[in-house]
Amino acid sequence: MVYSGKIYETDGASAVAVHEADAVRPLAPIPHAPSLRIFRSDLQPPSLEGEETEEARFFYSNPMCLVGASQLIVYPEYVDALGFQPFVAAVLVGDAYQIEVDQADDLILGITMLNMLVAKDRERIERNSGAIGSSHDLGGAIGPVLTTPDELEDNIIDASHGKRYELSAVVRVNGVERMRGNLAGLPFTFAQAISSASQTCTLKSGDIIALGPVAITEGSAVLLDPGDEVQLAVENLGAISLKLTQLQ
């Protein structure tokens, strides 16, 4: 976790050690999350924005496929069109069931970035069937650290439905900017997503709630090749990269 410019190594409840930021290379900040729920704004009902009664929709992905910052992921040869989705993610600090929106922000241990690889060819089929699954099971990078919500207080622009942050985001592929956006443009807050997810089952400490995409491209979808490196950077959260390699 990041607090006051220091890196805090924790056991999930208390600090184990404190490090200078330039003296460590972080692993995934939550290596064994109980679950990963993804709230994609482009998969929401058209009436969601501005509707207080409409619950945000999510799908489950595989938390075991996530790696930390600057690690290699093997390019899936069976995928014809490989893309990605850039998200921000909240890691929960406690259990909750049917929590109200105005209490949900208190469940957030920290906020980080999540860049998920997506099989675009499979995603098209899954979207037509209404069930997202294996297209988002290829891998992703999370981190580099968790930033505590109090470190982002200056970036809150509204709190009527949970904290809404104004944080710019940019995605670069091989050093070239390909996407840009801002968290302020998301149709829901972490609090709304957490509240929605808690209505049907108990959320657990360590669960990951992802919102996005936080950056988009004006043209066609950005596709990746073996050897490509993708970097997602979000204001005040840092930057995280993943690089695609091939099996030898």
Protein backbone atom coordinates (compact mmCIF):
# COMPACT_ATOMS: atom_id res chain seq x y z
CA MET A 1 0.00 0.00 0.00
CA VAL A 2 1.03 3.63 -0.55
CA TYR A 3 0.64 6.16 2.24
CA SER A 4 2.40 9.52 2.56
CA GLY A 5 4.88 8.60 -0.16
CA LYS A 6 6.01 5.35 1.49
CA ILE A 7 5.40 1.72 0.45
CA TYR A 8 3.80 -0.27 3.26
CA GLU A 9 4.16 -4.05 3.13
CA THR A 10 1.21 -5.55 5.04
CA ASP A 11 -0.27 -8.87 6.09
CA GLY A 12 -3.72 -7.56 5.17
CA ALA A 13 -4.38 -6.01 8.56
CA SER A 14 -1.18 -4.36 9.81
CA ALA A 15 2.14 -3.14 8.48
CA VAL A 16 4.98 -5.66 8.22
CA ALA A 17 7.59 -3.26 6.86
CA VAL A 18 7.92 0.23 5.38
CA HIS A 19 9.98 0.86 2.22
CA GLU A 20 11.11 3.75 0.06
CA ALA A 21 9.29 3.66 -3.27
CA ASP A 22 12.47 3.44 -5.36
CA ALA A 23 13.86 0.54 -3.28
CA VAL A 24 11.22 -2.08 -4.12
CA ARG A 25 9.67 -3.82 -7.10
CA PRO A 26 6.08 -4.57 -6.08
CA LEU A 27 4.42 -7.92 -6.71
CA ALA A 28 0.66 -8.07 -7.24
CA PRO A 29 -0.83 -6.18 -4.27
CA ILE A 30 -3.53 -8.83 -3.77
CA PRO A 31 -2.18 -12.17 -5.05
CA HIS A 32 -5.06 -14.44 -3.99
CA ALA A 33 -8.29 -12.47 -4.17
CA PRO A 34 -11.45 -14.44 -3.31
CA SER A 35 -13.24 -13.00 -6.36
CA LEU A 36 -12.96 -10.50 -9.19
CA ARG A 37 -16.07 -8.63 -10.35
CA ILE A 38 -15.83 -6.45 -13.45
CA PHE A 39 -18.25 -3.57 -14.07
CA ARG A 40 -17.85 -2.54 -17.72
CA SER A 41 -19.62 0.69 -18.62
CA ASP A 42 -20.11 -0.42 -22.24
CA LEU A 43 -22.05 -3.49 -21.05
CA GLN A 44 -24.55 -1.57 -18.89
CA PRO A 45 -28.23 -0.89 -19.64
CA PRO A 46 -28.67 2.34 -21.65
CA SER A 47 -30.71 3.87 -18.81
CA LEU A 48 -28.03 3.40 -16.12
CA GLU A 49 -26.48 6.85 -16.26
CA GLY A 50 -28.42 9.22 -14.04
CA GLU A 51 -30.79 6.51 -12.81
CA GLU A 52 -30.57 6.03 -9.05
CA THR A 53 -32.76 2.90 -9.10
CA GLU A 54 -30.84 1.01 -11.77
CA GLU A 55 -28.18 -1.32 -10.38
CA ALA A 56 -24.82 -1.59 -12.08
CA ARG A 57 -24.23 -4.96 -13.76
CA PHE A 58 -21.07 -7.02 -13.49
CA PHE A 59 -19.55 -10.31 -14.56
CA TYR A 60 -17.02 -12.51 -12.79
CA SER A 61 -13.48 -12.98 -14.05
CA ASN A 62 -10.60 -15.13 -12.84
CA PRO A 63 -8.48 -13.51 -10.07
CA MET A 64 -5.89 -16.32 -10.36
CA CYS A 65 -4.85 -15.10 -13.84
CA LEU A 66 -3.55 -11.75 -12.53
CA VAL A 67 0.13 -10.83 -12.27
CA GLY A 68 1.98 -7.88 -10.80
CA ALA A 69 3.73 -4.97 -12.49
CA SER A 70 6.22 -5.40 -15.36
CA GLN A 71 5.75 -9.15 -15.74
CA LEU A 72 5.53 -11.27 -18.88
CA ILE A 73 2.35 -12.94 -20.09
CA VAL A 74 2.47 -15.61 -22.77
CA TYR A 75 0.63 -14.58 -25.92
CA PRO A 76 -2.34 -16.96 -26.41
CA GLU A 77 -1.74 -18.46 -29.86
CA TYR A 78 -5.35 -19.69 -30.15
CA VAL A 79 -6.69 -16.11 -30.05
CA ASP A 80 -7.20 -14.43 -33.42
CA ALA A 81 -7.66 -10.88 -32.11
CA LEU A 82 -6.07 -9.97 -28.77
CA GLY A 83 -7.01 -6.69 -27.13
CA PHE A 84 -7.25 -5.34 -23.59
CA GLN A 85 -9.46 -3.35 -21.24
CA PRO A 86 -8.01 -0.77 -18.78
CA PHE A 87 -9.74 -0.61 -15.39
CA VAL A 88 -9.39 0.88 -11.94
CA ALA A 89 -9.96 -1.55 -9.10
CA ALA A 90 -10.87 -1.38 -5.43
CA VAL A 91 -9.79 -4.05 -2.94
CA LEU A 92 -12.20 -4.58 -0.05
CA VAL A 93 -11.12 -4.56 3.57
CA GLY A 94 -14.12 -6.29 5.14
CA ASP A 95 -17.17 -8.47 4.57
CA ALA A 96 -20.53 -6.91 3.64
CA TYR A 97 -24.03 -7.97 2.70
CA GLN A 98 -26.67 -5.65 1.24
CA ILE A 99 -24.69 -2.56 2.12
CA GLU A 100 -26.07 0.89 1.28
CA VAL A 101 -24.27 3.17 -1.18
CA ASP A 102 -23.53 5.79 1.48
CA GLN A 103 -21.62 3.19 3.54
CA ALA A 104 -19.85 1.32 0.74
CA ASP A 105 -16.79 3.57 0.40
CA ASP A 106 -15.79 2.60 3.96
CA LEU A 107 -15.18 -0.97 2.71
CA ILE A 108 -12.35 0.06 0.38
CA LEU A 109 -8.86 -0.85 1.57
CA GLY A 110 -7.15 0.66 -1.45
CA ILE A 111 -7.50 1.57 -5.12
CA THR A 112 -5.24 0.39 -7.93
CA MET A 113 -5.11 -0.31 -11.68
CA LEU A 114 -6.06 -3.45 -13.58
CA ASN A 115 -5.28 -4.05 -17.25
CA MET A 116 -7.07 -7.17 -18.54
CA LEU A 117 -6.22 -8.98 -21.77
CA VAL A 118 -9.34 -9.71 -23.85
CA ALA A 119 -9.89 -12.15 -26.72
CA LYS A 120 -11.89 -9.82 -28.97
CA ASP A 121 -12.99 -12.59 -31.31
CA ARG A 122 -14.46 -14.59 -28.42
CA GLU A 123 -15.87 -11.48 -26.77
CA ARG A 124 -18.04 -10.75 -29.82
CA ILE A 125 -19.61 -14.21 -29.54
CA GLU A 126 -20.08 -13.89 -25.78
CA ARG A 127 -21.72 -10.47 -26.03
CA ASN A 128 -24.27 -11.87 -28.45
CA SER A 129 -25.05 -14.70 -26.03
CA GLY A 130 -25.21 -12.34 -23.03
CA ALA A 131 -22.56 -14.21 -21.00
CA ILE A 132 -18.96 -12.94 -20.71
CA GLY A 133 -16.51 -15.70 -19.82
CA SER A 134 -13.39 -17.15 -21.43
CA SER A 135 -12.67 -13.97 -23.42
CA HIS A 136 -11.50 -12.37 -20.14
CA ASP A 137 -9.58 -15.39 -18.80
CA LEU A 138 -6.26 -14.75 -20.55
CA GLY A 139 -4.42 -12.78 -17.91
CA GLY A 140 -3.99 -9.25 -16.66
CA ALA A 141 -1.74 -6.99 -14.63
CA ILE A 142 -2.83 -5.45 -11.31
CA GLY A 143 -1.01 -2.86 -9.22
CA PRO A 144 1.60 -1.69 -8.82
CA VAL A 145 0.36 -0.89 -5.28
CA LEU A 146 -2.82 -0.06 -3.40
CA THR A 147 -3.39 3.65 -2.86
CA THR A 148 -5.46 4.42 0.24
CA PRO A 149 -8.65 6.43 -0.40
CA ASP A 150 -7.54 9.27 1.89
CA GLU A 151 -4.63 9.89 -0.49
CA LEU A 152 -7.19 10.71 -3.21
CA GLU A 153 -9.40 13.11 -1.23
CA ASP A 154 -8.27 16.09 -3.34
CA ASN A 155 -9.50 14.31 -6.50
CA ILE A 156 -13.12 13.85 -5.35
CA ILE A 157 -15.51 15.91 -7.49
CA ASP A 158 -18.81 14.56 -6.15
CA ALA A 159 -19.95 12.33 -3.28
CA SER A 160 -23.74 12.22 -3.72
CA HIS A 161 -23.64 8.54 -4.82
CA GLY A 162 -20.30 7.55 -3.36
CA LYS A 163 -16.97 9.19 -4.09
CA ARG A 164 -16.48 10.13 -7.74
CA TYR A 165 -12.86 10.85 -8.65
CA GLU A 166 -11.42 13.04 -11.35
CA LEU A 167 -8.27 11.14 -12.35
CA SER A 168 -6.87 11.18 -15.87
CA ALA A 169 -5.87 7.89 -17.52
CA VAL A 170 -3.68 7.10 -20.51
CA VAL A 171 -2.69 3.86 -22.25
CA ARG A 172 0.49 3.48 -24.29
CA VAL A 173 1.44 0.55 -26.49
CA ASN A 174 5.19 0.27 -27.14
CA GLY A 175 5.55 3.83 -25.86
CA VAL A 176 2.92 5.31 -28.19
CA GLU A 177 -0.27 6.78 -26.70
CA ARG A 178 -3.31 4.86 -27.95
CA MET A 179 -6.07 5.62 -25.40
CA ARG A 180 -7.02 8.40 -23.01
CA GLY A 181 -9.83 9.02 -20.53
CA ASN A 182 -10.85 10.10 -17.02
CA LEU A 183 -12.51 8.30 -14.12
CA ALA A 184 -14.99 11.18 -13.88
CA GLY A 185 -16.64 9.83 -17.04
CA LEU A 186 -17.57 6.44 -15.56
CA PRO A 187 -21.36 5.99 -15.18
CA PHE A 188 -21.04 4.63 -11.63
CA THR A 189 -18.84 4.94 -8.55
CA PHE A 190 -17.07 2.24 -6.55
CA ALA A 191 -19.73 2.70 -3.86
CA GLN A 192 -22.55 2.03 -6.33
CA ALA A 193 -20.76 -1.04 -7.68
CA ILE A 194 -20.01 -2.43 -4.21
CA SER A 195 -23.59 -1.88 -3.08
CA SER A 196 -24.96 -3.56 -6.21
CA ALA A 197 -22.65 -6.58 -5.86
CA SER A 198 -23.58 -7.02 -2.18
CA GLN A 199 -27.32 -7.35 -2.80
CA THR A 200 -27.19 -11.03 -3.77
CA CYS A 201 -24.24 -12.44 -1.79
CA THR A 202 -21.79 -11.51 0.94
CA LEU A 203 -18.71 -9.67 -0.28
CA LYS A 204 -15.45 -10.87 1.30
CA SER A 205 -12.31 -9.12 2.46
CA GLY A 206 -9.84 -9.11 -0.45
CA ASP A 207 -12.51 -9.11 -3.17
CA ILE A 208 -11.65 -6.99 -6.21
CA ILE A 209 -14.20 -4.62 -7.76
CA ALA A 210 -13.08 -3.30 -11.17
CA LEU A 211 -14.60 -0.34 -13.07
CA GLY A 212 -13.91 0.70 -16.63
CA PRO A 213 -12.79 1.06 -19.26
CA VAL A 214 -11.06 4.16 -17.94
CA ALA A 215 -9.56 5.02 -21.33
CA ILE A 216 -10.89 4.61 -24.86
CA THR A 217 -9.64 5.02 -28.42
CA GLU A 218 -11.29 7.17 -31.06
CA GLY A 219 -10.63 4.67 -33.83
CA SER A 220 -10.82 0.89 -34.14
CA ALA A 221 -9.95 -1.41 -31.24
CA VAL A 222 -6.26 -1.60 -30.35
CA LEU A 223 -4.96 -5.13 -31.01
CA LEU A 224 -1.75 -6.63 -29.70
CA ASP A 225 1.01 -8.81 -31.13
CA PRO A 226 3.69 -10.93 -29.44
CA GLY A 227 6.40 -8.67 -28.05
CA ASP A 228 4.08 -5.71 -27.48
CA GLU A 229 4.20 -3.89 -24.15
CA VAL A 230 1.11 -2.12 -22.78
CA GLN A 231 1.34 0.54 -20.08
CA LEU A 232 -1.68 1.90 -18.18
CA ALA A 233 -1.09 5.10 -16.18
CA VAL A 234 -3.66 6.76 -13.92
CA GLU A 235 -3.12 10.07 -12.17
CA ASN A 236 -2.03 9.59 -8.52
CA LEU A 237 -2.19 5.77 -8.86
CA GLY A 238 1.02 5.31 -10.84
CA ALA A 239 1.61 3.15 -13.91
CA ILE A 240 1.57 -0.56 -14.63
CA SER A 241 2.94 -2.44 -17.65
CA LEU A 242 2.57 -5.91 -19.07
CA LYS A 243 4.53 -7.44 -21.92
CA LEU A 244 3.50 -10.27 -24.21
CA THR A 245 5.94 -13.05 -24.95
CA GLN A 246 5.76 -16.28 -26.98
CA LEU A 247 6.35 -19.85 -25.92
CA GLN A 248 9.74 -21.04 -27.16
